[in-house]
Amino acid sequence: MKRRTERIELRLTPEEAQFIREKSASCQSISQYIRMAVREYSDIDARKKLDMIKDLTELCVKFRDGLAWAGGNLNQAMKHANELAKVDLLTKDYMMNTVLPAVASTEKIVRDVRLQLIDLAKKAAKLS
């Protein structure tokens, strides 16, 4: 390993210095921690991957919430349709105005998420 002879002076507030000391506790030295942090921060691919993970996490939350909402509506509409069908009161009007819109909203959420996943996959392919 090359001997490290170059020095860079850095001025910090006492709070900043304490923060770096605390963060570097798991490293052999503060210098090692700073070299590692600069290397990781400078790694553009790593930052892009972290951004993609953030985007994917947000998409998963959006997908989960959207499907929970749409699934609840669809479940209620179908349950009521089954109850109406049992007593022979299920009408075309109920199907057209209640069940089909619930199915359509569920389909739209799935379609939107699918398109967003395709976009994320394209971004991921560019990083490879």
Protein backbone atom coordinates (compact mmCIF):
# COMPACT_ATOMS: atom_id res chain seq x y z
CA MET A 1 0.00 0.00 0.00
CA LYS A 2 1.25 3.46 -0.81
CA ARG A 3 2.25 5.59 2.10
CA ARG A 4 -0.13 8.49 2.65
CA THR A 5 1.89 11.67 2.89
CA GLU A 6 -0.48 14.35 1.61
CA ARG A 7 -2.54 16.33 4.10
CA ILE A 8 -5.69 18.42 3.64
CA GLU A 9 -6.61 20.86 6.36
CA LEU A 10 -10.29 21.12 7.18
CA ARG A 11 -11.88 23.60 9.55
CA LEU A 12 -14.93 22.46 11.47
CA THR A 13 -17.16 23.70 14.22
CA PRO A 14 -16.93 21.72 17.47
CA GLU A 15 -20.34 20.21 16.66
CA GLU A 16 -19.21 19.12 13.18
CA ALA A 17 -16.04 17.61 14.59
CA GLN A 18 -18.01 15.69 17.23
CA PHE A 19 -20.46 14.48 14.57
CA ILE A 20 -17.59 13.13 12.44
CA ARG A 21 -15.98 11.48 15.49
CA GLU A 22 -19.24 9.72 16.33
CA LYS A 23 -19.87 8.62 12.75
CA SER A 24 -16.31 7.35 12.35
CA ALA A 25 -16.35 5.23 15.51
CA SER A 26 -16.72 2.00 13.51
CA CYS A 27 -13.69 2.81 11.34
CA GLN A 28 -9.99 2.48 12.17
CA SER A 29 -9.54 6.24 11.98
CA ILE A 30 -11.31 9.46 11.12
CA SER A 31 -9.14 9.66 8.01
CA GLN A 32 -10.33 6.24 6.85
CA TYR A 33 -13.94 7.25 7.47
CA ILE A 34 -13.57 10.49 5.47
CA ARG A 35 -11.80 8.71 2.57
CA MET A 36 -14.56 6.09 2.50
CA ALA A 37 -17.33 8.71 2.70
CA VAL A 38 -15.84 10.78 -0.12
CA ARG A 39 -15.40 7.67 -2.28
CA GLU A 40 -19.02 6.59 -1.70
CA TYR A 41 -20.42 10.09 -2.19
CA SER A 42 -18.49 10.45 -5.42
CA ASP A 43 -19.81 7.15 -6.78
CA ILE A 44 -22.48 8.38 -9.20
CA ASP A 45 -23.75 4.85 -9.88
CA ALA A 46 -24.33 4.28 -6.17
CA ARG A 47 -26.29 7.52 -5.87
CA LYS A 48 -28.37 6.60 -8.92
CA LYS A 49 -29.06 3.18 -7.43
CA LEU A 50 -30.09 4.74 -4.13
CA ASP A 51 -32.41 7.11 -5.99
CA MET A 52 -33.91 4.16 -7.83
CA ILE A 53 -34.44 2.26 -4.58
CA LYS A 54 -36.19 5.34 -3.19
CA ASP A 55 -38.40 5.56 -6.30
CA LEU A 56 -39.20 1.85 -6.11
CA THR A 57 -40.08 2.13 -2.41
CA GLU A 58 -42.41 5.06 -3.12
CA LEU A 59 -44.01 3.09 -5.96
CA CYS A 60 -44.54 0.07 -3.70
CA VAL A 61 -46.24 2.22 -1.06
CA LYS A 62 -48.40 3.91 -3.71
CA PHE A 63 -49.25 0.51 -5.23
CA ARG A 64 -50.12 -1.01 -1.85
CA ASP A 65 -52.32 1.91 -0.84
CA GLY A 66 -54.03 2.14 -4.24
CA LEU A 67 -54.75 -1.56 -4.41
CA ALA A 68 -56.02 -1.62 -0.83
CA TRP A 69 -58.44 1.19 -1.63
CA ALA A 70 -59.56 -0.24 -4.98
CA GLY A 71 -59.71 -3.77 -3.62
CA GLY A 72 -61.91 -2.65 -0.73
CA ASN A 73 -64.31 -0.93 -3.11
CA LEU A 74 -64.38 -3.91 -5.46
CA ASN A 75 -64.90 -6.32 -2.57
CA GLN A 76 -67.86 -4.30 -1.24
CA ALA A 77 -69.42 -4.03 -4.70
CA MET A 78 -69.06 -7.76 -5.35
CA LYS A 79 -70.36 -8.70 -1.91
CA HIS A 80 -73.44 -6.56 -2.48
CA ALA A 81 -73.85 -7.97 -6.00
CA ASN A 82 -73.76 -11.52 -4.59
CA GLU A 83 -76.38 -10.60 -1.99
CA LEU A 84 -78.61 -9.12 -4.70
CA ALA A 85 -78.09 -12.15 -6.96
CA LYS A 86 -79.14 -14.54 -4.15
CA VAL A 87 -82.53 -12.87 -3.95
CA ASP A 88 -82.75 -12.39 -7.72
CA LEU A 89 -82.49 -8.56 -7.52
CA LEU A 90 -79.15 -8.05 -9.30
CA THR A 91 -79.76 -5.55 -12.07
CA LYS A 92 -77.83 -4.46 -15.12
CA ASP A 93 -77.89 -0.92 -13.70
CA TYR A 94 -76.06 -2.04 -10.53
CA MET A 95 -73.48 -3.89 -12.58
CA MET A 96 -72.91 -0.93 -14.92
CA ASN A 97 -72.88 1.82 -12.27
CA THR A 98 -71.22 0.05 -9.33
CA VAL A 99 -69.36 -3.14 -10.20
CA LEU A 100 -67.80 -2.12 -13.52
CA PRO A 101 -66.44 1.23 -12.22
CA ALA A 102 -64.87 -0.64 -9.27
CA VAL A 103 -63.25 -3.10 -11.68
CA ALA A 104 -62.11 -0.24 -13.93
CA SER A 105 -60.48 1.66 -11.06
CA THR A 106 -58.62 -1.48 -9.99
CA GLU A 107 -57.47 -2.07 -13.58
CA LYS A 108 -56.29 1.54 -13.86
CA ILE A 109 -54.18 1.30 -10.71
CA VAL A 110 -52.58 -1.95 -11.89
CA ARG A 111 -51.93 -0.46 -15.35
CA ASP A 112 -50.39 2.72 -13.89
CA VAL A 113 -48.12 0.76 -11.58
CA ARG A 114 -47.10 -1.55 -14.43
CA LEU A 115 -46.07 1.44 -16.56
CA GLN A 116 -44.12 2.96 -13.68
CA LEU A 117 -42.36 -0.38 -13.09
CA ILE A 118 -41.42 -0.51 -16.78
CA ASP A 119 -39.93 3.00 -16.49
CA LEU A 120 -37.93 1.96 -13.42
CA ALA A 121 -36.73 -1.19 -15.20
CA LYS A 122 -35.50 0.94 -18.10
CA LYS A 123 -33.60 3.19 -15.67
CA ALA A 124 -32.11 0.12 -13.99
CA ALA A 125 -31.01 -1.28 -17.35
CA LYS A 126 -29.18 1.96 -18.10
CA LEU A 127 -27.25 1.64 -14.82
CA SER A 128 -26.05 -1.86 -15.64
